[in-house]
Amino acid sequence: MRGFVVSRYKGPLQEADVPEPVVGERDVLIQVQAAGLNMLDEKIRAGEFKQILPYKLPQILGNDVAGTVIGLGAKVQGFRLGDEVFGRPDKDRIGTFAERIAVAEADLALKPASVSFEEAASLPLVALTAWQALVERGNLQPGQRVLIHAGAGGVGTIAIQLAKHLGATVATTVSAGNVDFVRELGADLVVDYRSQDFGQLLDGYDLVLDSLGGKNLEKSLRVLRPGGTAIGIAGPPDAAFARELGANPLLRLVMTALSSRIRRLARRLGVTYEFLFMRASGDQLRQITALIDGGALRPIVGRVFDFDQTVQAVQSLANGGIRGKAVISRT
């Protein structure tokens, strides 16, 4: 079957004839109708995650899928042939830039009935990230205040909507051209990061969702109230993530060292820093589906590429500038 693979880190993404998926007893075989694009795909190609995600090359890229069930493992109980599904495969089983993929039943949910395959494919990774940051880790409550960086991006557009649904007051950072757009999504306070300094404008926040890292993360710690939490999805990874990953002692030591500076700063300020690398979860996707079909969340698809344009689509990730998500479509 056709797929798009990286054969060596930092090498080009290439179309290839790849083996058909192996369907385990608890796997669902999906005819891919659409696949979401994420910066994670480009970072995997560039080798930035090879220490924590050691794929055996060549590797088919792609971390989001929406499609139709065409095969079932012997012990699958929750899906039937012909079901329309969406999901984020487990980090060890990525490969949605292909005609077909086998995904564990536990990592899938029925596609929201109110959206297209392309819209559904835009959701899993970013919606699960937002859910795990705001609901699972952040325990965001009505009346609390949250700062969501890069509000016009894939995670940001969903996180703003989810935070408003949870009853929070939402601040976000965007460029000037996206100010009205994120206000329409529900942002209460919008900071133009090119002309304004969020560190000077914001204070006393309960939670920050940071997707940029570096100096932006350090400054974010200072807008938190005592006891507040910053959740970073761009790093640096911490010891808790190393344990979750099952990393060897050396890699645990490296990750602990990488985050030591930011954790020391957080302690000095009386706040907490946590690193989040989202995990696949069909159960959480079902809760997200209910919010989408109920009108509380809507997917934001900024651009759709044809399957034949997958190489160009991944190259476009480095340019940015797309509101919400870009998607590859096979429909």
Protein backbone atom coordinates (compact mmCIF):
# COMPACT_ATOMS: atom_id res chain seq x y z
CA MET A 1 0.00 0.00 0.00
CA ARG A 2 1.03 3.63 -0.33
CA GLY A 3 2.57 5.39 2.66
CA PHE A 4 4.91 8.26 3.45
CA VAL A 5 8.01 7.33 5.41
CA VAL A 6 11.15 8.78 6.93
CA SER A 7 14.09 6.45 6.24
CA ARG A 8 16.74 8.42 8.13
CA TYR A 9 16.49 11.22 10.65
CA LYS A 10 16.81 14.66 9.05
CA GLY A 11 16.23 13.01 5.69
CA PRO A 12 13.26 13.80 3.44
CA LEU A 13 9.79 12.35 3.83
CA GLN A 14 9.24 10.03 0.88
CA GLU A 15 6.40 8.05 -0.64
CA ALA A 16 6.98 4.30 -0.48
CA ASP A 17 5.29 0.97 -0.99
CA VAL A 18 4.83 -0.15 2.62
CA PRO A 19 3.61 -3.44 4.14
CA GLU A 20 -0.03 -3.89 5.02
CA PRO A 21 -0.74 -3.35 8.75
CA VAL A 22 -0.59 -6.33 11.08
CA VAL A 23 -3.94 -6.55 12.89
CA GLY A 24 -3.70 -7.84 16.44
CA GLU A 25 -6.57 -9.47 18.31
CA ARG A 26 -7.58 -6.16 19.92
CA ASP A 27 -6.83 -3.97 16.89
CA VAL A 28 -9.13 -2.18 14.48
CA LEU A 29 -8.09 -1.93 10.83
CA ILE A 30 -8.94 1.51 9.44
CA GLN A 31 -9.23 2.74 5.87
CA VAL A 32 -7.68 6.18 6.32
CA GLN A 33 -9.96 8.95 5.05
CA ALA A 34 -8.03 11.86 6.59
CA ALA A 35 -4.94 12.43 8.75
CA GLY A 36 -4.08 15.45 10.86
CA LEU A 37 -0.73 17.21 10.58
CA ASN A 38 1.21 18.06 13.73
CA MET A 39 4.56 19.66 14.48
CA LEU A 40 5.32 16.35 16.18
CA ASP A 41 5.53 14.77 12.72
CA GLU A 42 8.20 17.23 11.61
CA LYS A 43 10.11 16.88 14.89
CA ILE A 44 10.13 13.10 14.53
CA ARG A 45 11.44 13.43 10.96
CA ALA A 46 14.16 15.81 12.17
CA GLY A 47 15.23 13.37 14.89
CA GLU A 48 14.36 15.68 17.78
CA PHE A 49 12.54 12.90 19.65
CA LYS A 50 14.77 9.95 18.79
CA GLN A 51 15.87 9.53 22.41
CA ILE A 52 12.35 9.25 23.80
CA LEU A 53 10.60 7.87 20.70
CA PRO A 54 13.15 5.45 19.23
CA TYR A 55 11.39 4.35 16.04
CA LYS A 56 12.81 1.62 13.85
CA LEU A 57 13.37 3.29 10.48
CA PRO A 58 11.86 3.45 7.93
CA GLN A 59 8.83 4.75 9.82
CA ILE A 60 5.49 5.87 8.43
CA LEU A 61 4.67 9.28 9.91
CA GLY A 62 1.27 10.55 11.06
CA ASN A 63 -0.29 10.86 14.52
CA ASP A 64 -3.98 11.58 13.83
CA VAL A 65 -6.51 9.53 11.90
CA ALA A 66 -10.14 9.52 10.87
CA GLY A 67 -11.53 6.76 8.73
CA THR A 68 -13.72 3.72 8.24
CA VAL A 69 -13.41 0.34 9.97
CA ILE A 70 -12.58 -2.38 7.41
CA GLY A 71 -11.24 -5.10 9.71
CA LEU A 72 -11.48 -6.28 13.31
CA GLY A 73 -9.24 -8.29 15.59
CA ALA A 74 -10.78 -11.41 17.13
CA LYS A 75 -11.30 -9.81 20.56
CA VAL A 76 -12.58 -6.37 19.48
CA GLN A 77 -15.98 -5.67 21.00
CA GLY A 78 -16.60 -1.94 20.72
CA PHE A 79 -16.58 -1.45 16.93
CA ARG A 80 -18.18 -2.94 13.83
CA LEU A 81 -17.26 -3.04 10.16
CA GLY A 82 -18.27 0.21 8.51
CA ASP A 83 -18.01 2.35 11.66
CA GLU A 84 -16.57 5.82 11.17
CA VAL A 85 -13.86 6.35 13.79
CA PHE A 86 -11.12 8.74 14.81
CA GLY A 87 -8.15 8.55 17.12
CA ARG A 88 -4.52 9.13 17.96
CA PRO A 89 -2.59 5.85 17.74
CA ASP A 90 -0.32 4.99 20.63
CA LYS A 91 3.06 6.73 20.35
CA ASP A 92 4.69 3.39 19.51
CA ARG A 93 2.24 2.67 16.67
CA ILE A 94 2.01 5.86 14.65
CA GLY A 95 1.70 5.82 10.85
CA THR A 96 -1.50 7.52 9.67
CA PHE A 97 0.10 8.90 6.48
CA ALA A 98 -0.85 5.70 4.69
CA GLU A 99 -3.86 4.11 3.05
CA ARG A 100 -4.59 1.86 6.03
CA ILE A 101 -3.53 1.56 9.66
CA ALA A 102 -4.22 -0.84 12.54
CA VAL A 103 -4.98 0.91 15.84
CA ALA A 104 -5.69 -0.53 19.27
CA GLU A 105 -9.39 -0.53 20.09
CA ALA A 106 -8.68 1.34 23.33
CA ASP A 107 -7.22 4.30 21.41
CA LEU A 108 -10.25 4.89 19.16
CA ALA A 109 -13.71 6.42 19.38
CA LEU A 110 -16.61 6.78 17.00
CA LYS A 111 -16.21 9.90 14.88
CA PRO A 112 -18.35 12.86 15.97
CA ALA A 113 -21.46 12.70 13.81
CA SER A 114 -21.59 16.45 13.29
CA VAL A 115 -18.19 16.87 11.59
CA SER A 116 -16.44 15.70 8.43
CA PHE A 117 -13.59 13.21 8.26
CA GLU A 118 -11.19 16.10 7.74
CA GLU A 119 -12.48 17.94 10.81
CA ALA A 120 -12.37 14.75 12.88
CA ALA A 121 -8.78 14.04 11.80
CA SER A 122 -7.73 17.48 13.01
CA LEU A 123 -8.77 16.72 16.57
CA PRO A 124 -7.23 13.73 18.37
CA LEU A 125 -3.70 14.85 19.30
CA VAL A 126 -4.58 18.49 20.03
CA ALA A 127 -7.88 17.79 21.74
CA LEU A 128 -6.34 15.10 23.95
CA THR A 129 -3.49 17.48 24.78
CA ALA A 130 -5.94 20.19 25.79
CA TRP A 131 -8.07 17.75 27.79
CA GLN A 132 -5.13 16.21 29.64
CA ALA A 133 -3.65 19.64 30.40
CA LEU A 134 -6.81 21.45 31.50
CA VAL A 135 -9.02 18.69 32.89
CA GLU A 136 -6.77 15.83 33.97
CA ARG A 137 -3.64 17.69 35.11
CA GLY A 138 -4.87 21.25 35.64
CA ASN A 139 -8.26 20.40 37.21
CA LEU A 140 -9.48 23.74 35.84
CA GLN A 141 -12.51 25.00 37.76
CA PRO A 142 -15.21 27.61 37.04
CA GLY A 143 -13.96 31.09 37.88
CA GLN A 144 -10.28 30.23 37.61
CA ARG A 145 -7.97 32.01 35.20
CA VAL A 146 -5.88 30.28 32.55
CA LEU A 147 -3.30 31.58 30.09
CA ILE A 148 -3.13 29.61 26.83
CA HIS A 149 -0.19 30.47 24.60
CA ALA A 150 -0.40 30.35 20.79
CA GLY A 151 -4.18 30.54 20.86
CA ALA A 152 -4.60 30.40 17.09
CA GLY A 153 -2.67 27.13 16.74
CA GLY A 154 -3.90 23.55 16.82
CA VAL A 155 -3.81 23.04 20.60
CA GLY A 156 -4.69 26.65 21.36
CA THR A 157 -7.93 26.77 19.37
CA ILE A 158 -9.30 23.71 21.16
CA ALA A 159 -7.90 24.66 24.58
CA ILE A 160 -9.56 28.09 24.50
CA GLN A 161 -12.94 26.54 23.75
CA LEU A 162 -12.52 23.82 26.36
CA ALA A 163 -11.44 26.29 29.03
CA LYS A 164 -14.50 28.46 28.35
CA HIS A 165 -16.72 25.39 28.54
CA LEU A 166 -15.19 24.63 31.93
CA GLY A 167 -16.11 28.13 33.11
CA ALA A 168 -12.64 29.67 33.24
CA THR A 169 -11.50 33.16 32.30
CA VAL A 170 -9.14 32.76 29.34
CA ALA A 171 -6.17 34.84 28.28
CA THR A 172 -4.18 33.97 25.18
CA THR A 173 -1.24 35.18 23.10
CA VAL A 174 -1.49 35.58 19.31
CA SER A 175 -0.32 37.84 16.51
CA ALA A 176 -2.39 40.94 15.73
CA GLY A 177 -4.12 39.30 12.77
CA ASN A 178 -5.62 36.61 14.99
CA VAL A 179 -7.00 38.79 17.78
CA ASP A 180 -10.62 38.80 16.56
CA PHE A 181 -10.41 35.12 15.62
CA VAL A 182 -9.49 33.94 19.14
CA ARG A 183 -12.05 36.27 20.70
CA GLU A 184 -14.67 34.48 18.61
CA LEU A 185 -13.42 31.20 20.09
CA GLY A 186 -14.04 32.59 23.59
CA ALA A 187 -10.82 34.28 24.72
CA ASP A 188 -11.51 37.02 27.28
CA LEU A 189 -8.12 38.75 27.15
CA VAL A 190 -5.92 38.68 24.06
CA VAL A 191 -2.26 39.69 24.05
CA ASP A 192 -0.52 40.54 20.77
CA TYR A 193 2.83 38.94 21.46
CA ARG A 194 4.59 41.09 18.86
CA SER A 195 3.68 44.43 20.42
CA GLN A 196 2.73 43.55 24.01
CA ASP A 197 4.43 41.75 26.89
CA PHE A 198 2.12 39.25 28.57
CA GLY A 199 4.44 39.23 31.59
CA GLN A 200 3.65 42.89 32.19
CA LEU A 201 -0.09 42.57 31.57
CA LEU A 202 -1.04 39.37 33.41
CA ASP A 203 -0.78 38.31 37.04
CA GLY A 204 -2.40 35.91 39.49
CA TYR A 205 -3.27 33.15 37.03
CA ASP A 206 -4.14 29.65 38.21
CA LEU A 207 -2.87 27.75 35.18
CA VAL A 208 -0.69 28.27 32.11
CA LEU A 209 -0.61 26.00 29.07
CA ASP A 210 2.72 26.67 27.37
CA SER A 211 3.50 25.35 23.89
CA LEU A 212 6.64 27.41 23.25
CA GLY A 213 9.13 26.60 26.01
CA GLY A 214 12.35 28.51 26.69
CA LYS A 215 12.10 32.11 27.85
CA ASN A 216 8.36 32.09 27.23
CA LEU A 217 7.93 29.30 29.78
CA GLU A 218 10.14 31.07 32.33
CA LYS A 219 8.10 34.26 31.99
CA SER A 220 4.90 32.23 32.24
CA LEU A 221 5.84 31.03 35.72
CA ARG A 222 5.81 34.63 36.89
CA VAL A 223 2.18 35.27 35.91
CA LEU A 224 0.96 32.45 38.15
CA ARG A 225 -0.49 32.93 41.61
CA PRO A 226 1.30 31.13 44.46
CA GLY A 227 0.38 27.47 44.10
CA GLY A 228 -0.39 27.83 40.40
CA THR A 229 0.76 25.42 37.72
CA ALA A 230 2.45 25.77 34.35
CA ILE A 231 2.02 22.80 32.03
CA GLY A 232 4.54 22.68 29.20
CA ILE A 233 4.04 20.65 26.02
CA ALA A 234 7.24 21.85 24.32
CA GLY A 235 9.54 20.81 27.16
CA PRO A 236 11.78 20.49 28.91
CA PRO A 237 10.79 16.93 29.92
CA ASP A 238 10.91 16.16 33.62
CA ALA A 239 11.57 13.16 35.86
CA ALA A 240 7.89 12.25 36.10
CA PHE A 241 7.71 11.94 32.32
CA ALA A 242 10.87 9.82 32.30
CA ARG A 243 9.25 7.43 34.78
CA GLU A 244 6.04 7.34 32.75
CA LEU A 245 8.07 6.58 29.64
CA GLY A 246 9.89 3.75 31.37
CA ALA A 247 13.20 5.36 30.45
CA ASN A 248 16.50 3.80 31.46
CA PRO A 249 18.35 5.34 34.45
CA LEU A 250 20.69 7.37 32.24
CA LEU A 251 17.85 8.91 30.23
CA ARG A 252 15.96 9.63 33.46
CA LEU A 253 19.01 11.48 34.75
CA VAL A 254 19.28 13.46 31.51
CA MET A 255 15.60 14.48 31.58
CA THR A 256 15.83 15.46 35.23
CA ALA A 257 18.85 17.62 34.44
CA LEU A 258 17.14 19.25 31.44
CA SER A 259 14.26 20.47 33.59
CA SER A 260 16.26 21.29 36.73
CA ARG A 261 16.56 25.01 35.98
CA ILE A 262 12.88 25.58 35.30
CA ARG A 263 11.86 23.46 38.30
CA ARG A 264 14.17 25.44 40.59
CA LEU A 265 12.68 28.69 39.32
CA ALA A 266 9.19 27.34 39.87
CA ARG A 267 9.98 26.35 43.46
CA ARG A 268 11.47 29.77 44.13
CA LEU A 269 8.27 31.40 42.88
CA GLY A 270 6.02 29.01 44.83
CA VAL A 271 4.51 27.46 41.71
CA THR A 272 4.72 24.12 39.88
CA TYR A 273 6.03 23.09 36.47
CA GLU A 274 4.86 19.89 34.76
CA PHE A 275 5.76 18.48 31.36
CA LEU A 276 2.96 16.87 29.35
CA PHE A 277 3.40 14.45 26.47
CA MET A 278 -0.15 13.48 25.66
CA ARG A 279 -1.19 9.84 25.57
CA ALA A 280 -3.74 8.07 23.41
CA SER A 281 -7.17 7.56 24.99
CA GLY A 282 -10.38 6.43 23.36
CA ASP A 283 -12.28 7.10 26.60
CA GLN A 284 -11.26 10.77 26.60
CA LEU A 285 -12.05 11.06 22.88
CA ARG A 286 -15.60 9.90 23.61
CA GLN A 287 -16.00 12.73 26.13
CA ILE A 288 -14.59 15.16 23.58
CA THR A 289 -17.00 13.80 20.95
CA ALA A 290 -19.94 14.60 23.22
CA LEU A 291 -18.72 18.21 23.51
CA ILE A 292 -18.31 18.50 19.74
CA ASP A 293 -21.71 17.05 18.89
CA GLY A 294 -23.20 19.18 21.68
CA GLY A 295 -21.78 22.37 20.17
CA ALA A 296 -19.32 23.23 22.96
CA LEU A 297 -16.25 22.58 20.78
CA ARG A 298 -15.66 22.97 17.07
CA PRO A 299 -12.64 21.82 15.11
CA ILE A 300 -10.65 24.48 13.27
CA VAL A 301 -9.20 23.28 9.95
CA GLY A 302 -7.04 25.92 8.32
CA ARG A 303 -5.91 23.97 5.26
CA VAL A 304 -6.58 20.64 3.57
CA PHE A 305 -3.96 18.86 1.44
CA ASP A 306 -4.56 15.93 -0.90
CA PHE A 307 -2.91 12.63 0.02
CA ASP A 308 -0.60 13.06 -2.97
CA GLN A 309 0.63 16.31 -1.37
CA THR A 310 1.71 14.72 1.92
CA VAL A 311 5.41 15.58 1.47
CA GLN A 312 4.54 19.22 0.73
CA ALA A 313 2.11 19.24 3.65
CA VAL A 314 4.73 18.14 6.17
CA GLN A 315 7.22 20.66 4.76
CA SER A 316 4.62 23.39 5.33
CA LEU A 317 4.61 22.73 9.08
CA ALA A 318 7.87 24.62 9.47
CA ASN A 319 6.31 27.75 7.95
CA GLY A 320 3.45 28.03 10.45
CA GLY A 321 0.76 30.62 9.84
CA ILE A 322 -2.17 28.17 9.67
CA ARG A 323 -5.10 28.75 11.99
CA GLY A 324 -5.99 25.58 13.82
CA LYS A 325 -4.86 22.45 12.01
CA ALA A 326 -3.77 21.36 8.56
CA VAL A 327 -5.11 18.01 7.36
CA ILE A 328 -4.37 15.46 4.65
CA SER A 329 -7.47 14.11 2.93
CA ARG A 330 -8.03 10.87 1.01
CA THR A 331 -11.79 11.39 0.52
